[in-house]
Protein backbone atom coordinates (compact mmCIF):
# COMPACT_ATOMS: atom_id res chain seq x y z
CA MET A 1 -33.87 -11.11 27.31
CA SER A 2 -30.87 -8.82 28.26
CA PHE A 3 -28.76 -6.60 26.03
CA ASP A 4 -24.95 -7.11 26.42
CA GLU A 5 -21.59 -5.92 24.96
CA GLN A 6 -21.90 -8.24 21.94
CA ASP A 7 -25.33 -7.00 21.16
CA GLU A 8 -24.14 -3.36 21.26
CA LEU A 9 -21.29 -4.29 18.79
CA PHE A 10 -23.77 -5.83 16.35
CA MET A 11 -26.03 -2.89 16.76
CA LEU A 12 -23.15 -0.53 16.05
CA GLU A 13 -22.51 -2.46 12.89
CA ALA A 14 -26.12 -1.97 11.90
CA ILE A 15 -25.59 1.78 12.54
CA GLU A 16 -22.44 1.57 10.28
CA GLN A 17 -24.61 -0.12 7.58
CA ALA A 18 -27.32 2.58 7.92
CA LYS A 19 -24.72 5.39 7.32
CA LYS A 20 -24.08 4.00 3.94
CA CYS A 21 -27.59 4.84 2.79
CA THR A 22 -28.31 7.48 -0.01
CA PRO A 23 -32.10 7.96 0.48
CA GLU A 24 -34.33 8.39 -2.41
CA ARG A 25 -36.08 11.41 -0.89
CA GLU A 26 -35.02 13.43 2.07
CA ARG A 27 -37.74 12.03 4.31
CA ASP A 28 -36.68 8.36 3.68
CA PRO A 29 -34.86 6.73 6.59
CA LYS A 30 -31.45 5.48 6.72
CA VAL A 31 -31.61 1.99 7.81
CA GLY A 32 -29.01 -0.81 8.35
CA ALA A 33 -29.49 -4.49 9.22
CA VAL A 34 -27.20 -7.22 10.46
CA LEU A 35 -28.00 -10.80 10.84
CA VAL A 36 -26.15 -12.68 13.49
CA LYS A 37 -25.91 -16.41 14.35
CA ASN A 38 -23.92 -18.14 16.80
CA GLY A 39 -22.06 -14.84 17.50
CA GLN A 40 -21.14 -14.37 13.91
CA ILE A 41 -22.36 -11.90 11.28
CA ILE A 42 -23.89 -13.95 8.56
CA ALA A 43 -25.38 -11.11 6.44
CA LYS A 44 -25.72 -7.25 6.55
CA SER A 45 -27.21 -4.67 4.37
CA PHE A 46 -28.69 -1.17 4.20
CA ARG A 47 -31.64 0.50 2.54
CA GLY A 48 -31.02 1.34 -1.06
CA GLN A 49 -27.95 -0.87 -1.28
CA TYR A 50 -28.56 -1.67 -4.87
CA PRO A 51 -28.78 1.19 -7.39
CA ASP A 52 -31.43 -0.70 -9.44
CA ALA A 53 -33.69 -0.91 -6.42
CA PRO A 54 -32.90 2.26 -4.32
CA GLY A 55 -36.23 1.98 -2.22
CA ASP A 56 -35.65 -1.65 -1.08
CA HIS A 57 -35.59 -2.02 2.58
CA ALA A 58 -32.47 -3.09 4.37
CA GLU A 59 -34.15 -6.25 5.71
CA TYR A 60 -35.36 -7.17 2.16
CA ASN A 61 -31.96 -6.83 0.76
CA LEU A 62 -30.48 -8.78 3.71
CA PHE A 63 -32.81 -11.82 3.36
CA HIS A 64 -33.41 -11.73 -0.45
CA LYS A 65 -30.03 -10.57 -1.79
CA ASN A 66 -27.29 -10.86 0.70
CA LEU A 67 -27.93 -14.03 2.67
CA GLU A 68 -26.47 -16.99 0.71
CA ASN A 69 -29.00 -19.44 2.30
CA ARG A 70 -32.30 -18.36 3.88
CA ALA A 71 -32.32 -21.31 5.87
CA ASP A 72 -29.36 -19.99 7.90
CA ALA A 73 -31.69 -17.39 9.27
CA ARG A 74 -33.42 -19.91 11.43
CA GLY A 75 -32.39 -19.29 15.06
CA ALA A 76 -30.46 -16.01 14.04
CA THR A 77 -30.90 -12.44 15.57
CA LEU A 78 -31.82 -9.63 13.37
CA TYR A 79 -30.26 -6.27 14.46
CA VAL A 80 -32.03 -3.30 12.65
CA THR A 81 -31.74 0.40 13.19
CA LEU A 82 -35.53 0.94 12.56
CA GLU A 83 -38.45 -1.25 13.50
CA PRO A 84 -39.37 -3.47 10.48
CA CYS A 85 -42.44 -2.18 8.48
CA SER A 86 -45.78 -3.78 8.98
CA ASP A 87 -47.52 -1.87 6.16
CA ARG A 88 -46.22 -1.15 2.62
CA SER A 89 -47.64 -0.40 -0.85
CA PRO A 90 -49.82 -3.10 -2.27
CA GLU A 91 -47.09 -4.63 -4.53
CA LYS A 92 -44.54 -5.03 -1.78
CA LEU A 93 -44.67 -7.39 1.13
CA PRO A 94 -44.21 -5.76 4.68
CA VAL A 95 -41.06 -6.87 6.30
CA MET A 96 -43.03 -8.12 9.42
CA SER A 97 -44.97 -10.28 7.11
CA MET A 98 -41.88 -11.57 5.44
CA LEU A 99 -40.33 -12.43 8.59
CA SER A 100 -43.52 -14.19 9.84
CA HIS A 101 -43.83 -16.21 6.74
CA MET A 102 -40.08 -17.30 6.88
CA GLU A 103 -40.63 -18.46 10.44
CA SER A 104 -43.68 -20.33 9.55
CA GLN A 105 -41.94 -22.03 6.68
CA GLY A 106 -38.88 -22.83 8.73
CA SER A 107 -36.52 -20.80 6.59
């Protein structure tokens, strides 16, 4: 897999999304995410995008709140400014598990 100019543009958009973050705590990362399919952005998000859930990760917001149809994610590319989490508190599903589950379910 190679990285080209189009990838760079999508990654720059993820960085722009990350700049919108207002972290709950100083140590919390600013994270942006962009989902692209067939060369078009189909969803984008940032950590803490919704005031009622300031700790929600950018990827969670993207897939569960901003993407109109989760089935559209199949075959898409996710650009994110920080590697998706693989471990979270017990009441929350890690993003890597969520992505893996979505892949296995075909949505």
